[in-house]
N, C-alpha and C. Protein backbone atom coordinates (compact mmCIF):
# COMPACT_ATOMS: atom_id res chain seq x y z
N MET A 1 0.85 -1.16 0.08
CA MET A 1 -0.04 -0.32 -0.21
C MET A 1 0.77 1.55 -0.02
N SER A 2 0.74 2.17 -1.28
CA SER A 2 1.13 3.51 -0.81
C SER A 2 0.78 4.49 -0.21
N LYS A 3 1.45 5.71 0.83
CA LYS A 3 1.21 6.17 1.29
C LYS A 3 -0.56 7.06 0.82
N ALA A 4 -0.54 7.40 -0.41
CA ALA A 4 -1.60 8.55 -0.48
C ALA A 4 -2.51 7.31 -1.59
N GLY A 5 -3.55 7.08 -0.90
CA GLY A 5 -4.73 6.65 -0.97
C GLY A 5 -5.18 5.45 0.28
N ALA A 6 -4.17 5.39 1.18
CA ALA A 6 -3.89 3.98 1.96
C ALA A 6 -5.28 3.40 2.84
N PRO A 7 -5.53 3.19 3.27
CA PRO A 7 -6.81 2.42 3.45
C PRO A 7 -6.67 3.08 4.96
N THR A 8 -6.97 3.27 6.11
CA THR A 8 -7.30 2.99 7.17
C THR A 8 -7.76 1.85 7.64
N LEU A 9 -6.99 0.97 8.34
CA LEU A 9 -7.64 -0.81 8.37
C LEU A 9 -7.97 -0.43 9.80
N THR A 10 -8.75 -0.13 10.87
CA THR A 10 -8.97 -0.73 12.03
C THR A 10 -10.08 -2.56 11.94
N VAL A 11 -9.19 -3.90 13.13
CA VAL A 11 -9.65 -4.47 12.68
C VAL A 11 -8.98 -5.01 14.41
N ASP A 12 -10.11 -5.83 14.40
CA ASP A 12 -9.68 -6.99 16.05
C ASP A 12 -9.53 -8.20 15.88
N ALA A 13 -8.02 -8.50 15.79
CA ALA A 13 -7.53 -10.13 15.45
C ALA A 13 -7.73 -10.67 16.54
N THR A 14 -8.35 -10.69 17.63
CA THR A 14 -8.00 -11.29 18.70
C THR A 14 -8.20 -12.67 18.18
N GLY A 15 -7.54 -13.44 19.22
CA GLY A 15 -7.29 -14.67 19.25
C GLY A 15 -6.44 -15.63 17.44
N LEU A 16 -6.20 -14.54 17.14
CA LEU A 16 -5.01 -15.45 15.35
C LEU A 16 -4.12 -15.37 15.63
N ARG A 17 -3.07 -16.04 15.42
CA ARG A 17 -1.73 -16.90 15.46
C ARG A 17 -1.24 -16.19 14.19
N VAL A 18 -0.04 -15.28 14.31
CA VAL A 18 0.97 -14.63 13.17
C VAL A 18 1.88 -15.08 13.34
N ALA A 19 2.96 -14.98 12.28
CA ALA A 19 3.85 -15.47 12.69
C ALA A 19 4.46 -13.94 11.47
N VAL A 20 5.89 -13.45 12.11
CA VAL A 20 6.24 -12.44 11.19
C VAL A 20 8.26 -12.86 11.06
N VAL A 21 8.09 -12.32 9.43
CA VAL A 21 9.57 -13.21 9.26
C VAL A 21 10.02 -11.78 8.95
N ALA A 22 11.45 -11.99 9.12
CA ALA A 22 12.26 -10.45 9.42
C ALA A 22 13.57 -10.85 8.66
N ALA A 23 14.46 -10.29 7.55
CA ALA A 23 15.31 -9.92 7.32
C ALA A 23 15.96 -9.36 8.25
N SER A 24 17.57 -9.85 7.89
CA SER A 24 18.54 -9.38 8.88
C SER A 24 19.49 -8.30 8.48
N TRP A 25 19.61 -7.55 6.74
CA TRP A 25 20.03 -6.61 6.19
C TRP A 25 19.61 -5.77 6.42
N HIS A 26 20.14 -4.34 6.67
CA HIS A 26 19.71 -2.78 7.13
C HIS A 26 18.95 -2.63 8.50
N ASP A 27 19.96 -3.23 9.69
CA ASP A 27 19.46 -3.10 10.39
C ASP A 27 18.73 -2.25 11.81
N ARG A 28 18.98 -1.02 11.18
CA ARG A 28 18.08 0.49 11.58
C ARG A 28 16.98 0.14 10.93
N VAL A 29 16.67 0.13 9.94
CA VAL A 29 15.66 0.32 9.06
C VAL A 29 14.55 -1.75 9.21
N MET A 30 15.40 -2.67 9.69
CA MET A 30 14.35 -3.56 9.98
C MET A 30 14.59 -3.77 11.43
N GLY A 31 14.64 -2.39 12.29
CA GLY A 31 14.12 -2.21 13.60
C GLY A 31 13.28 -1.73 13.91
N GLY A 32 13.20 -0.61 12.49
CA GLY A 32 11.71 -0.10 12.74
C GLY A 32 10.79 -0.83 11.97
N LEU A 33 10.94 -1.66 10.75
CA LEU A 33 10.21 -2.56 10.24
C LEU A 33 8.97 -3.89 11.32
N LEU A 34 9.90 -4.14 12.21
CA LEU A 34 9.84 -5.09 13.21
C LEU A 34 8.99 -4.28 14.39
N ASP A 35 9.19 -2.88 14.93
CA ASP A 35 8.23 -2.13 15.43
C ASP A 35 7.08 -1.81 14.98
N GLY A 36 6.95 -1.68 14.27
CA GLY A 36 6.09 -1.13 13.32
C GLY A 36 4.60 -2.48 12.90
N ALA A 37 5.45 -3.73 13.13
CA ALA A 37 4.32 -4.71 12.75
C ALA A 37 3.88 -5.27 13.90
N ARG A 38 5.10 -5.22 15.16
CA ARG A 38 4.60 -5.70 16.82
C ARG A 38 3.58 -4.76 17.51
N ARG A 39 3.16 -3.16 16.72
CA ARG A 39 2.68 -2.56 17.78
C ARG A 39 1.31 -2.55 16.65
N GLY A 40 1.22 -2.88 15.23
CA GLY A 40 0.11 -2.96 14.40
C GLY A 40 -0.18 -4.04 15.37
N LEU A 41 0.53 -5.68 14.96
CA LEU A 41 -0.20 -6.47 15.54
C LEU A 41 -1.12 -5.98 17.97
N ALA A 42 -0.46 -5.67 17.70
CA ALA A 42 -0.31 -5.54 19.37
C ALA A 42 -2.47 -4.74 19.05
N GLU A 43 -1.75 -3.55 18.39
CA GLU A 43 -2.86 -2.85 17.87
C GLU A 43 -4.55 -3.48 17.89
N ALA A 44 -4.45 -4.81 17.10
CA ALA A 44 -5.20 -5.13 16.40
C ALA A 44 -5.33 -6.37 17.07
N GLY A 45 -5.17 -6.75 18.37
CA GLY A 45 -5.38 -8.05 19.83
C GLY A 45 -4.61 -9.05 19.20
N VAL A 46 -3.76 -8.80 18.51
CA VAL A 46 -2.98 -9.95 18.49
C VAL A 46 -2.05 -10.10 20.07
N THR A 47 -1.96 -11.68 19.81
CA THR A 47 -1.32 -11.87 21.27
C THR A 47 -0.01 -13.26 20.75
N GLU A 48 -0.53 -13.85 20.17
CA GLU A 48 0.12 -15.05 19.92
C GLU A 48 1.23 -14.97 18.65
N VAL A 49 2.70 -14.13 18.70
CA VAL A 49 3.74 -13.73 17.26
C VAL A 49 4.89 -14.41 17.47
N THR A 50 4.96 -15.01 16.68
CA THR A 50 6.48 -15.72 16.27
C THR A 50 6.60 -14.45 15.37
N GLU A 51 8.56 -14.25 15.65
CA GLU A 51 9.43 -13.90 15.41
C GLU A 51 10.22 -15.46 14.43
N VAL A 52 10.74 -14.83 12.85
CA VAL A 52 11.65 -15.18 12.45
C VAL A 52 12.70 -14.61 12.06
N ARG A 53 13.44 -14.51 11.89
CA ARG A 53 14.74 -14.00 11.81
C ARG A 53 15.52 -14.61 10.32
N VAL A 54 15.83 -14.26 9.29
CA VAL A 54 16.16 -15.04 8.13
C VAL A 54 17.36 -13.83 7.66
N PRO A 55 18.59 -14.44 6.84
CA PRO A 55 19.67 -13.20 6.33
C PRO A 55 18.89 -13.03 5.86
N GLY A 56 18.53 -12.62 4.67
CA GLY A 56 17.92 -11.77 3.86
C GLY A 56 16.65 -11.68 3.15
N SER A 57 15.80 -10.88 2.32
CA SER A 57 14.90 -10.64 1.82
C SER A 57 15.02 -11.77 0.92
N PHE A 58 16.06 -12.24 0.26
CA PHE A 58 15.51 -13.28 -0.90
C PHE A 58 15.16 -15.12 -0.11
N GLU A 59 15.92 -14.72 1.05
CA GLU A 59 15.35 -16.15 2.15
C GLU A 59 13.90 -16.44 2.63
N LEU A 60 13.00 -15.24 2.71
CA LEU A 60 12.02 -14.50 2.96
C LEU A 60 10.34 -15.88 2.40
N PRO A 61 10.63 -15.77 1.34
CA PRO A 61 9.77 -16.76 0.63
C PRO A 61 10.16 -18.55 1.20
N VAL A 62 11.08 -19.19 1.20
CA VAL A 62 11.12 -19.92 2.17
C VAL A 62 10.73 -20.41 3.42
N ALA A 63 10.77 -19.35 4.06
CA ALA A 63 10.62 -19.44 5.45
C ALA A 63 8.89 -19.10 5.75
N CYS A 64 8.63 -18.68 4.62
CA CYS A 64 7.16 -18.46 4.62
C CYS A 64 6.43 -19.25 4.47
N ALA A 65 7.16 -19.99 3.25
CA ALA A 65 6.55 -21.10 3.26
C ALA A 65 6.79 -22.18 3.65
N GLN A 66 7.65 -22.77 4.56
CA GLN A 66 7.57 -23.84 5.75
C GLN A 66 6.50 -23.26 7.02
N LEU A 67 6.38 -22.37 7.80
CA LEU A 67 5.60 -21.92 8.51
C LEU A 67 4.36 -22.06 7.56
N ALA A 68 3.52 -21.67 6.84
CA ALA A 68 2.77 -21.83 6.59
C ALA A 68 2.21 -22.63 5.61
N ARG A 69 3.03 -23.86 5.90
CA ARG A 69 2.92 -25.41 5.49
C ARG A 69 2.65 -25.94 7.22
N THR A 70 2.08 -25.35 8.20
CA THR A 70 2.44 -25.65 9.15
C THR A 70 0.88 -26.32 10.11
N GLY A 71 0.73 -25.09 9.03
CA GLY A 71 -0.69 -24.81 9.88
C GLY A 71 -0.95 -23.97 11.13
N GLY A 72 0.12 -23.56 11.88
CA GLY A 72 -0.56 -22.99 12.83
C GLY A 72 -0.36 -21.54 12.73
N TYR A 73 -0.63 -21.04 11.97
CA TYR A 73 -0.40 -19.83 11.79
C TYR A 73 -1.60 -18.98 11.17
N ASP A 74 -2.30 -18.22 11.00
CA ASP A 74 -2.94 -17.45 10.21
C ASP A 74 -3.44 -16.75 9.57
N ALA A 75 -1.90 -15.92 10.17
CA ALA A 75 -1.42 -15.06 8.85
C ALA A 75 -0.06 -14.63 8.83
N LEU A 76 0.78 -14.39 8.49
CA LEU A 76 2.32 -13.97 8.05
C LEU A 76 2.52 -12.98 7.72
N VAL A 77 3.67 -12.50 8.46
CA VAL A 77 4.18 -10.55 7.58
C VAL A 77 5.55 -10.93 7.58
N ALA A 78 5.74 -10.70 6.20
CA ALA A 78 7.45 -10.68 5.73
C ALA A 78 7.45 -9.44 5.35
N LEU A 79 8.75 -9.01 6.28
CA LEU A 79 9.53 -7.30 6.47
C LEU A 79 10.78 -8.06 5.90
N GLY A 80 11.67 -6.44 5.12
CA GLY A 80 12.97 -6.85 4.35
C GLY A 80 13.27 -5.62 3.65
N VAL A 81 13.77 -5.56 3.16
CA VAL A 81 14.30 -3.86 2.08
C VAL A 81 15.49 -4.58 1.83
N VAL A 82 15.68 -4.27 0.49
CA VAL A 82 16.27 -4.30 -0.77
C VAL A 82 16.60 -3.32 -1.40
N VAL A 83 17.95 -2.56 -1.10
CA VAL A 83 18.71 -0.66 -1.43
C VAL A 83 19.00 -1.67 -2.99
N ARG A 84 18.76 -0.74 -4.16
CA ARG A 84 19.36 -0.86 -5.40
C ARG A 84 20.45 0.17 -5.11
N GLY A 85 21.53 -0.98 -6.26
CA GLY A 85 23.17 -1.05 -6.23
C GLY A 85 23.10 -0.38 -7.53
N GLY A 86 24.24 -0.89 -8.06
CA GLY A 86 25.06 -0.87 -9.20
C GLY A 86 25.13 -2.19 -10.20
N THR A 87 24.13 -3.23 -9.61
CA THR A 87 24.00 -4.65 -10.24
C THR A 87 22.68 -4.51 -10.49
N PRO A 88 22.77 -5.93 -11.81
CA PRO A 88 21.18 -6.14 -11.28
C PRO A 88 20.44 -7.08 -10.03
N HIS A 89 21.66 -7.55 -8.79
CA HIS A 89 21.00 -7.74 -7.99
C HIS A 89 19.79 -6.81 -7.43
N PHE A 90 19.70 -6.26 -6.91
CA PHE A 90 18.79 -5.42 -6.90
C PHE A 90 16.75 -6.06 -7.60
N ASP A 91 17.08 -6.04 -8.86
CA ASP A 91 16.48 -6.74 -9.78
C ASP A 91 15.78 -8.59 -9.53
N TYR A 92 16.80 -8.75 -9.29
CA TYR A 92 16.25 -10.64 -9.28
C TYR A 92 16.10 -11.06 -7.79
N VAL A 93 16.46 -9.90 -6.68
CA VAL A 93 16.06 -9.98 -5.55
C VAL A 93 14.51 -9.73 -4.91
N CYS A 94 14.83 -8.50 -5.49
CA CYS A 94 12.82 -7.70 -5.70
C CYS A 94 12.01 -8.53 -5.85
N SER A 95 12.27 -9.49 -7.78
CA SER A 95 11.41 -9.94 -7.86
C SER A 95 11.39 -11.44 -7.20
N ALA A 96 12.46 -12.38 -6.74
CA ALA A 96 12.49 -13.42 -6.32
C ALA A 96 11.40 -13.55 -4.91
N ALA A 97 11.60 -12.51 -4.06
CA ALA A 97 11.11 -12.27 -2.86
C ALA A 97 9.43 -11.63 -3.15
N THR A 98 9.33 -10.85 -4.27
CA THR A 98 7.89 -10.70 -4.70
C THR A 98 7.21 -12.33 -5.70
N THR A 99 7.67 -12.63 -5.97
CA THR A 99 6.69 -13.75 -6.40
C THR A 99 7.35 -14.76 -5.47
N GLY A 100 7.62 -15.00 -4.79
CA GLY A 100 7.86 -15.97 -3.78
C GLY A 100 6.81 -16.06 -2.38
N LEU A 101 6.87 -14.68 -1.87
CA LEU A 101 5.88 -14.69 -1.39
C LEU A 101 4.42 -14.26 -2.10
N THR A 102 3.90 -14.06 -3.31
CA THR A 102 2.97 -14.35 -3.51
C THR A 102 2.58 -15.62 -3.75
N ASP A 103 3.40 -16.79 -4.16
CA ASP A 103 2.97 -17.83 -4.63
C ASP A 103 2.85 -19.05 -3.23
N VAL A 104 3.16 -18.31 -1.75
CA VAL A 104 3.25 -18.83 -1.08
C VAL A 104 1.84 -17.71 0.23
N SER A 105 1.12 -17.08 -0.47
CA SER A 105 0.02 -16.87 0.11
C SER A 105 -1.03 -17.51 -0.63
N VAL A 106 -0.81 -17.53 -2.07
CA VAL A 106 -2.11 -18.20 -3.49
C VAL A 106 -2.08 -19.64 -2.88
N GLY A 107 -1.04 -20.26 -2.79
CA GLY A 107 -0.63 -21.98 -2.89
C GLY A 107 -1.20 -21.85 -1.63
N THR A 108 -1.42 -21.72 -0.37
CA THR A 108 -1.16 -22.23 0.78
C THR A 108 -2.44 -21.81 1.32
N GLY A 109 -3.13 -20.01 1.10
CA GLY A 109 -4.56 -19.56 1.74
C GLY A 109 -3.92 -19.39 2.55
N VAL A 110 -2.71 -18.95 2.72
CA VAL A 110 -2.21 -18.25 4.46
C VAL A 110 -1.84 -16.60 4.13
N PRO A 111 -2.39 -15.61 4.07
CA PRO A 111 -2.15 -14.12 4.01
C PRO A 111 -0.85 -13.92 4.45
N VAL A 112 -0.39 -13.24 3.84
CA VAL A 112 0.81 -12.57 3.37
C VAL A 112 1.44 -11.46 3.50
N GLY A 113 1.30 -10.81 4.66
CA GLY A 113 1.61 -8.94 4.40
C GLY A 113 3.04 -8.85 4.14
N PHE A 114 2.76 -7.77 2.97
CA PHE A 114 4.18 -7.69 2.18
C PHE A 114 4.94 -6.36 3.14
N GLY A 115 5.32 -6.47 3.69
CA GLY A 115 6.74 -5.58 4.08
C GLY A 115 7.83 -5.77 4.07
N VAL A 116 7.86 -6.03 2.76
CA VAL A 116 9.34 -5.59 1.35
C VAL A 116 9.94 -4.42 1.24
N LEU A 117 10.35 -3.85 1.76
CA LEU A 117 11.22 -2.04 0.75
C LEU A 117 11.79 -2.69 0.09
N THR A 118 11.12 -1.99 -1.27
CA THR A 118 12.40 -1.65 -2.71
C THR A 118 12.56 -0.26 -2.70
N CYS A 119 13.60 0.01 -2.78
CA CYS A 119 14.30 1.60 -2.30
C CYS A 119 15.12 1.51 -3.32
N ASP A 120 15.45 2.72 -3.88
CA ASP A 120 16.64 3.33 -4.35
C ASP A 120 17.60 3.68 -3.87
N ASP A 121 18.06 4.21 -2.49
CA ASP A 121 18.63 4.47 -1.63
C ASP A 121 18.00 4.34 -0.35
N GLU A 122 18.75 4.60 1.07
CA GLU A 122 18.77 4.07 2.05
C GLU A 122 17.82 5.04 2.98
N GLN A 123 17.74 6.67 2.23
CA GLN A 123 16.90 7.60 2.41
C GLN A 123 15.24 6.97 2.68
N GLN A 124 15.17 6.49 1.80
CA GLN A 124 14.07 5.65 0.85
C GLN A 124 13.81 5.31 1.95
N ALA A 125 14.76 4.20 2.52
CA ALA A 125 14.43 2.83 2.99
C ALA A 125 14.03 3.67 4.69
N LEU A 126 14.48 4.34 5.48
CA LEU A 126 14.15 4.68 6.43
C LEU A 126 12.71 5.89 5.90
N ASP A 127 12.76 6.62 4.91
CA ASP A 127 10.99 7.19 5.46
C ASP A 127 10.24 6.16 5.73
N ARG A 128 10.22 4.77 5.13
CA ARG A 128 9.55 4.47 5.23
C ARG A 128 9.35 3.19 6.17
N ALA A 129 10.27 3.02 6.67
CA ALA A 129 10.36 2.27 7.91
C ALA A 129 10.08 2.73 9.67
N GLY A 130 8.85 3.48 9.60
CA GLY A 130 8.30 3.68 11.10
C GLY A 130 9.01 4.48 11.53
N LEU A 131 10.08 4.46 11.63
CA LEU A 131 11.47 5.11 12.61
C LEU A 131 10.55 6.49 13.41
N PRO A 132 11.21 7.18 14.45
CA PRO A 132 10.65 8.53 14.65
C PRO A 132 11.43 9.70 13.02
N GLY A 133 10.44 10.39 12.60
CA GLY A 133 10.50 11.30 11.77
C GLY A 133 10.31 10.45 10.04
N SER A 134 10.08 9.47 9.93
CA SER A 134 9.79 8.33 8.85
C SER A 134 8.05 8.38 8.74
N SER A 135 8.10 9.15 6.85
CA SER A 135 6.70 9.36 6.62
C SER A 135 5.66 8.49 6.53
N GLU A 136 6.40 6.90 6.42
CA GLU A 136 5.35 5.73 6.89
C GLU A 136 6.05 4.89 7.92
N ASP A 137 4.72 4.21 7.10
CA ASP A 137 5.41 2.87 9.23
C ASP A 137 4.83 1.80 8.12
N LYS A 138 5.58 0.74 7.05
CA LYS A 138 5.65 0.01 6.53
C LYS A 138 5.38 -1.52 7.18
N GLY A 139 5.98 -1.45 8.17
CA GLY A 139 5.83 -2.84 9.12
C GLY A 139 4.20 -2.73 9.52
N HIS A 140 3.75 -1.74 10.42
CA HIS A 140 2.41 -1.61 10.97
C HIS A 140 1.62 -2.03 9.39
N GLU A 141 1.80 -1.57 8.62
CA GLU A 141 1.20 -1.82 7.60
C GLU A 141 0.77 -2.97 6.71
N ALA A 142 2.10 -3.67 7.19
CA ALA A 142 2.03 -4.80 6.77
C ALA A 142 1.26 -5.83 7.69
N ALA A 143 1.29 -5.93 8.83
CA ALA A 143 0.95 -6.71 9.59
C ALA A 143 -0.61 -6.51 9.61
N THR A 144 -0.87 -5.19 9.86
CA THR A 144 -2.41 -4.59 9.76
C THR A 144 -3.10 -6.05 8.01
N ALA A 145 -2.83 -5.08 7.27
CA ALA A 145 -3.35 -5.80 5.86
C ALA A 145 -2.90 -6.80 5.80
N ALA A 146 -2.42 -7.76 6.67
CA ALA A 146 -2.15 -9.54 6.59
C ALA A 146 -3.16 -10.08 7.56
N VAL A 147 -3.58 -9.21 8.99
CA VAL A 147 -4.11 -9.87 9.75
C VAL A 147 -5.91 -9.57 9.27
N ALA A 148 -6.58 -8.09 8.72
CA ALA A 148 -7.13 -7.80 8.10
C ALA A 148 -7.72 -8.97 6.90
N THR A 149 -6.80 -9.24 6.42
CA THR A 149 -7.24 -10.22 5.10
C THR A 149 -7.56 -11.23 5.65
N VAL A 150 -6.71 -11.76 7.00
CA VAL A 150 -7.40 -13.04 7.23
C VAL A 150 -9.47 -13.12 7.70
N LEU A 151 -9.50 -11.96 8.63
CA LEU A 151 -10.75 -10.99 8.83
C LEU A 151 -11.65 -11.65 7.91
N ALA A 152 -11.24 -10.78 6.28
CA ALA A 152 -12.34 -10.81 5.83
C ALA A 152 -12.42 -11.72 4.72
N ILE A 153 -11.08 -12.80 4.17
CA ILE A 153 -11.78 -14.16 4.08
C ILE A 153 -12.78 -15.07 5.03
N ARG A 154 -12.48 -14.66 6.27
CA ARG A 154 -13.14 -15.08 6.83
C ARG A 154 -14.28 -15.21 6.69
N THR A 155 -14.68 -13.99 6.80
CA THR A 155 -16.33 -13.33 6.56
C THR A 155 -17.05 -13.80 4.95
N ALA A 156 -15.87 -13.16 4.60
CA ALA A 156 -16.58 -13.87 2.86
C ALA A 156 -17.25 -15.39 2.73
N LEU A 157 -16.34 -15.62 3.28
CA LEU A 157 -16.50 -17.60 3.57
C LEU A 157 -17.57 -18.03 4.57
N SER A 158 -18.29 -17.42 5.61
CA SER A 158 -18.52 -17.71 7.12
C SER A 158 -20.42 -17.40 6.20
N PRO A 159 -20.86 -18.92 6.70
CA PRO A 159 -22.46 -18.91 6.15
C PRO A 159 -23.47 -17.68 6.75
N GLY A 160 -24.27 -17.20 5.98
CA GLY A 160 -25.30 -16.67 6.59
C GLY A 160 -24.69 -15.08 5.96
């Protein structure tokens, strides 16, 4: 979700079980994303949260896939950051993370909140990390979107 036109999601996700899978690169940005996700889940009433750290954004899909297949989680939140450099590495990692996380969600039916920042430079990442002075809080948005999607699906599938 981009800042312009982003919905305000207020959800009661009490009783949901959520795993947050976070990359380790860019420690300061990741700290902000994790804090935002924790805050979003707490505000939604989620108390059962498991946090898993992986090396980088490329590893997010495999970790999410394994967690989704356990059946132990209602939603997953994937957090990472990829900063453009001078090689095509950025394009490959962004594409792999995006496609992989989409495949996990669609293939398992477990919503995955997408909190992977794909930025041209570190300042863009800091602006989106939910840190003091940041203009956006993508960790919070990803967590809230994941649990809101669980609730929307449950509502759509519930009889009556």
